Amino acid sequence: MAIIWEGFGNLLDAKDHTQLCPINAVGAMGKGLALTMRRAYPELHVHYRDMYHPQFSPIKDAYARASLLTVVKVHAVSILLFCTKVDWHDPSPAELVEGNLQRLAVQWKELGIERLALPLIGSGEGRLPSAWVREQIHTYLGPLELPVRLYLGT
């Protein structure tokens, strides 16, 4: 199965897939797709804040929070909170994005993900090269029995 579709469109239209929301580990959802998803699903921010904001999270180390993959249900939509940055104003570290893709490749079943819709994580506000991000997604998610829709932009 793996990458079943790759193209342009609105990731938020993939309601029958777990939607990946790129986040940081300091509690800010103020730009890019994270902000779009916060506006589309206002309750999402409460879940995000409780797991990733240093004041609310039981995990005090920012790097440990950045390595945490969390799936939350907002209405009937499942959303995967996926750190692409430690701090919101920094570029995305390639090793964080790659490491979290590796974790996702191992944990997707236990997270309850049956289908996944994701963007080119870290290539927008994170400033990673789109071609590199696409290659990593194909490397780590391509071999899985997980149907993946890869959104290249709107």
C-alpha atoms as a PDB file:
ATOM      1  CA  MET A   1       0.000   0.000   0.000  1.00  0.00           C
ATOM      2  CA  ALA A   2       2.197   2.807   1.293  1.00  0.00           C
ATOM      3  CA  ILE A   3       1.928   6.083  -0.641  1.00  0.00           C
ATOM      4  CA  ILE A   4      -1.461   5.674  -2.316  1.00  0.00           C
ATOM      5  CA  TRP A   5      -1.765   9.251  -3.520  1.00  0.00           C
ATOM      6  CA  GLU A   6       0.573  12.188  -3.966  1.00  0.00           C
ATOM      7  CA  GLY A   7      -0.596  15.570  -5.188  1.00  0.00           C
ATOM      8  CA  PHE A   8      -2.002  18.982  -4.444  1.00  0.00           C
ATOM      9  CA  GLY A   9      -5.071  19.732  -2.383  1.00  0.00           C
ATOM     10  CA  ASN A  10      -6.355  20.567   1.081  1.00  0.00           C
ATOM     11  CA  LEU A  11      -5.170  18.079   3.710  1.00  0.00           C
ATOM     12  CA  LEU A  12      -8.114  19.021   5.932  1.00  0.00           C
ATOM     13  CA  ASP A  13     -10.467  17.489   3.347  1.00  0.00           C
ATOM     14  CA  ALA A  14      -9.041  14.019   4.170  1.00  0.00           C
ATOM     15  CA  LYS A  15     -11.496  13.472   7.041  1.00  0.00           C
ATOM     16  CA  ASP A  16     -11.310   9.670   6.754  1.00  0.00           C
ATOM     17  CA  HIS A  17      -7.535   9.765   7.351  1.00  0.00           C
ATOM     18  CA  THR A  18      -5.524  10.692  10.423  1.00  0.00           C
ATOM     19  CA  GLN A  19      -4.345  14.204   9.563  1.00  0.00           C
ATOM     20  CA  LEU A  20      -0.766  15.092  10.500  1.00  0.00           C
ATOM     21  CA  CYS A  21      -0.410  18.486  12.192  1.00  0.00           C
ATOM     22  CA  PRO A  22       3.183  19.784  12.255  1.00  0.00           C
ATOM     23  CA  ILE A  23       3.919  21.357  15.640  1.00  0.00           C
ATOM     24  CA  ASN A  24       6.720  22.550  17.916  1.00  0.00           C
ATOM     25  CA  ALA A  25       7.547  21.583  21.501  1.00  0.00           C
ATOM     26  CA  VAL A  26       6.944  24.969  23.128  1.00  0.00           C
ATOM     27  CA  GLY A  27       3.188  25.381  22.839  1.00  0.00           C
ATOM     28  CA  ALA A  28       2.779  27.778  19.904  1.00  0.00           C
ATOM     29  CA  MET A  29       0.428  27.069  16.978  1.00  0.00           C
ATOM     30  CA  GLY A  30       0.751  30.490  15.387  1.00  0.00           C
ATOM     31  CA  LYS A  31       1.897  29.893  11.795  1.00  0.00           C
ATOM     32  CA  GLY A  32       1.565  27.632   8.802  1.00  0.00           C
ATOM     33  CA  LEU A  33      -0.492  24.449   8.810  1.00  0.00           C
ATOM     34  CA  ALA A  34      -0.530  24.300  12.631  1.00  0.00           C
ATOM     35  CA  LEU A  35      -2.398  27.615  12.718  1.00  0.00           C
ATOM     36  CA  THR A  36      -4.751  26.484   9.945  1.00  0.00           C
ATOM     37  CA  MET A  37      -5.559  23.322  11.899  1.00  0.00           C
ATOM     38  CA  ARG A  38      -5.973  25.263  15.146  1.00  0.00           C
ATOM     39  CA  ARG A  39      -8.550  27.460  13.416  1.00  0.00           C
ATOM     40  CA  ALA A  40     -10.320  24.478  11.823  1.00  0.00           C
ATOM     41  CA  TYR A  41     -10.324  22.474  15.062  1.00  0.00           C
ATOM     42  CA  PRO A  42     -10.237  24.958  18.004  1.00  0.00           C
ATOM     43  CA  GLU A  43     -10.291  22.127  20.580  1.00  0.00           C
ATOM     44  CA  LEU A  44      -7.033  20.806  19.137  1.00  0.00           C
ATOM     45  CA  HIS A  45      -5.040  23.539  20.842  1.00  0.00           C
ATOM     46  CA  VAL A  46      -6.097  22.349  24.319  1.00  0.00           C
ATOM     47  CA  HIS A  47      -4.821  18.819  23.604  1.00  0.00           C
ATOM     48  CA  TYR A  48      -1.641  20.223  22.066  1.00  0.00           C
ATOM     49  CA  ARG A  49      -1.025  22.613  24.962  1.00  0.00           C
ATOM     50  CA  ASP A  50      -1.485  19.881  27.560  1.00  0.00           C
ATOM     51  CA  MET A  51       1.074  17.605  25.884  1.00  0.00           C
ATOM     52  CA  TYR A  52       3.637  20.062  24.500  1.00  0.00           C
ATOM     53  CA  HIS A  53       3.521  23.415  26.319  1.00  0.00           C
ATOM     54  CA  PRO A  54       6.233  23.511  29.018  1.00  0.00           C
ATOM     55  CA  GLN A  55       3.822  24.935  31.632  1.00  0.00           C
ATOM     56  CA  PHE A  56       1.235  22.175  31.166  1.00  0.00           C
ATOM     57  CA  SER A  57       3.100  19.103  29.951  1.00  0.00           C
ATOM     58  CA  PRO A  58       4.229  16.496  32.467  1.00  0.00           C
ATOM     59  CA  ILE A  59       7.345  16.139  30.260  1.00  0.00           C
ATOM     60  CA  LYS A  60       9.642  19.037  31.132  1.00  0.00           C
ATOM     61  CA  ASP A  61      12.478  18.397  28.661  1.00  0.00           C
ATOM     62  CA  ALA A  62      11.733  20.099  25.311  1.00  0.00           C
ATOM     63  CA  TYR A  63      13.681  17.502  23.325  1.00  0.00           C
ATOM     64  CA  ALA A  64      11.712  14.672  24.953  1.00  0.00           C
ATOM     65  CA  ARG A  65       8.443  16.474  24.099  1.00  0.00           C
ATOM     66  CA  ALA A  66       9.671  16.954  20.518  1.00  0.00           C
ATOM     67  CA  SER A  67      10.083  13.169  20.193  1.00  0.00           C
ATOM     68  CA  LEU A  68       6.534  12.435  21.352  1.00  0.00           C
ATOM     69  CA  LEU A  69       3.928  11.373  18.786  1.00  0.00           C
ATOM     70  CA  THR A  70       0.338  11.910  19.919  1.00  0.00           C
ATOM     71  CA  VAL A  71      -2.970  11.181  18.190  1.00  0.00           C
ATOM     72  CA  VAL A  72      -5.999  13.138  19.382  1.00  0.00           C
ATOM     73  CA  LYS A  73      -9.640  12.936  18.334  1.00  0.00           C
ATOM     74  CA  VAL A  74     -11.367  16.219  17.574  1.00  0.00           C
ATOM     75  CA  HIS A  75     -14.986  15.605  16.687  1.00  0.00           C
ATOM     76  CA  ALA A  76     -14.776  12.699  14.247  1.00  0.00           C
ATOM     77  CA  VAL A  77     -11.276  13.542  12.987  1.00  0.00           C
ATOM     78  CA  SER A  78      -8.041  11.958  14.232  1.00  0.00           C
ATOM     79  CA  ILE A  79      -5.042  14.280  14.273  1.00  0.00           C
ATOM     80  CA  LEU A  80      -1.419  13.255  14.692  1.00  0.00           C
ATOM     81  CA  LEU A  81       0.620  15.887  16.528  1.00  0.00           C
ATOM     82  CA  PHE A  82       4.095  15.609  14.991  1.00  0.00           C
ATOM     83  CA  CYS A  83       6.936  17.884  16.096  1.00  0.00           C
ATOM     84  CA  THR A  84       8.982  19.331  13.281  1.00  0.00           C
ATOM     85  CA  LYS A  85      10.656  21.932  15.511  1.00  0.00           C
ATOM     86  CA  VAL A  86      11.700  22.301  19.117  1.00  0.00           C
ATOM     87  CA  ASP A  87      11.045  26.068  19.189  1.00  0.00           C
ATOM     88  CA  TRP A  88       8.577  27.741  16.847  1.00  0.00           C
ATOM     89  CA  HIS A  89      10.940  30.409  15.522  1.00  0.00           C
ATOM     90  CA  ASP A  90      13.788  28.039  14.597  1.00  0.00           C
ATOM     91  CA  PRO A  91      14.081  26.110  11.342  1.00  0.00           C
ATOM     92  CA  SER A  92      13.156  22.431  11.465  1.00  0.00           C
ATOM     93  CA  PRO A  93      16.153  20.259  12.340  1.00  0.00           C
ATOM     94  CA  ALA A  94      16.450  17.506   9.720  1.00  0.00           C
ATOM     95  CA  GLU A  95      17.369  14.977  12.417  1.00  0.00           C
ATOM     96  CA  LEU A  96      14.146  15.722  14.342  1.00  0.00           C
ATOM     97  CA  VAL A  97      11.926  15.269  11.290  1.00  0.00           C
ATOM     98  CA  GLU A  98      13.757  12.098  10.258  1.00  0.00           C
ATOM     99  CA  GLY A  99      13.722  10.738  13.822  1.00  0.00           C
ATOM    100  CA  ASN A 100       9.988  11.347  14.185  1.00  0.00           C
ATOM    101  CA  LEU A 101       9.331   9.686  10.820  1.00  0.00           C
ATOM    102  CA  GLN A 102      11.301   6.678  12.088  1.00  0.00           C
ATOM    103  CA  ARG A 103       9.210   6.650  15.299  1.00  0.00           C
ATOM    104  CA  LEU A 104       6.012   6.918  13.254  1.00  0.00           C
ATOM    105  CA  ALA A 105       7.080   3.971  11.085  1.00  0.00           C
ATOM    106  CA  VAL A 106       7.378   1.875  14.262  1.00  0.00           C
ATOM    107  CA  GLN A 107       4.431   3.269  16.273  1.00  0.00           C
ATOM    108  CA  TRP A 108       1.663   3.837  13.699  1.00  0.00           C
ATOM    109  CA  LYS A 109      -0.320   0.725  14.673  1.00  0.00           C
ATOM    110  CA  GLU A 110      -0.138   1.373  18.418  1.00  0.00           C
ATOM    111  CA  LEU A 111      -1.184   4.985  17.760  1.00  0.00           C
ATOM    112  CA  GLY A 112      -4.304   3.635  16.054  1.00  0.00           C
ATOM    113  CA  ILE A 113      -3.517   5.133  12.648  1.00  0.00           C
ATOM    114  CA  GLU A 114      -5.233   3.245   9.824  1.00  0.00           C
ATOM    115  CA  ARG A 115      -4.778   5.850   7.061  1.00  0.00           C
ATOM    116  CA  LEU A 116      -2.569   8.927   7.122  1.00  0.00           C
ATOM    117  CA  ALA A 117      -2.703  12.285   5.339  1.00  0.00           C
ATOM    118  CA  LEU A 118       0.390  14.434   5.661  1.00  0.00           C
ATOM    119  CA  PRO A 119       2.102  17.436   4.100  1.00  0.00           C
ATOM    120  CA  LEU A 120       5.771  17.810   3.253  1.00  0.00           C
ATOM    121  CA  ILE A 121       6.524  18.233   6.965  1.00  0.00           C
ATOM    122  CA  GLY A 122       9.126  20.816   7.849  1.00  0.00           C
ATOM    123  CA  SER A 123       9.431  22.215   4.337  1.00  0.00           C
ATOM    124  CA  GLY A 124       7.207  25.262   4.819  1.00  0.00           C
ATOM    125  CA  GLU A 125       7.869  27.306   7.946  1.00  0.00           C
ATOM    126  CA  GLY A 126      10.628  24.825   8.835  1.00  0.00           C
ATOM    127  CA  ARG A 127      12.586  25.611   5.659  1.00  0.00           C
ATOM    128  CA  LEU A 128      13.742  22.055   4.920  1.00  0.00           C
ATOM    129  CA  PRO A 129      14.137  21.241   1.197  1.00  0.00           C
ATOM    130  CA  SER A 130      10.900  19.730  -0.137  1.00  0.00           C
ATOM    131  CA  ALA A 131      12.759  17.089  -2.165  1.00  0.00           C
ATOM    132  CA  TRP A 132      14.620  15.894   0.947  1.00  0.00           C
ATOM    133  CA  VAL A 133      11.386  15.738   3.010  1.00  0.00           C
ATOM    134  CA  ARG A 134       9.582  13.833   0.233  1.00  0.00           C
ATOM    135  CA  GLU A 135      12.470  11.344   0.045  1.00  0.00           C
ATOM    136  CA  GLN A 136      12.351  10.782   3.830  1.00  0.00           C
ATOM    137  CA  ILE A 137       8.595  10.216   3.763  1.00  0.00           C
ATOM    138  CA  HIS A 138       8.978   7.659   0.977  1.00  0.00           C
ATOM    139  CA  THR A 139      11.895   5.985   2.801  1.00  0.00           C
ATOM    140  CA  TYR A 140      10.163   5.575   6.163  1.00  0.00           C
ATOM    141  CA  LEU A 141       6.457   5.384   5.309  1.00  0.00           C
ATOM    142  CA  GLY A 142       6.643   3.936   1.792  1.00  0.00           C
ATOM    143  CA  PRO A 143       7.378   0.323   2.839  1.00  0.00           C
ATOM    144  CA  LEU A 144       4.576   0.208   5.432  1.00  0.00           C
ATOM    145  CA  GLU A 145       1.136  -1.348   5.025  1.00  0.00           C
ATOM    146  CA  LEU A 146      -0.242   2.072   5.900  1.00  0.00           C
ATOM    147  CA  PRO A 147      -2.181   3.921   3.195  1.00  0.00           C
ATOM    148  CA  VAL A 148      -0.631   7.398   2.966  1.00  0.00           C
ATOM    149  CA  ARG A 149      -1.873  10.494   1.152  1.00  0.00           C
ATOM    150  CA  LEU A 150       1.016  12.919   0.625  1.00  0.00           C
ATOM    151  CA  TYR A 151      -0.004  16.539   0.115  1.00  0.00           C
ATOM    152  CA  LEU A 152       2.561  18.559  -1.833  1.00  0.00           C
ATOM    153  CA  GLY A 153       0.737  21.855  -1.250  1.00  0.00           C
ATOM    154  CA  THR A 154      -2.589  23.503  -1.952  1.00  0.00           C
END
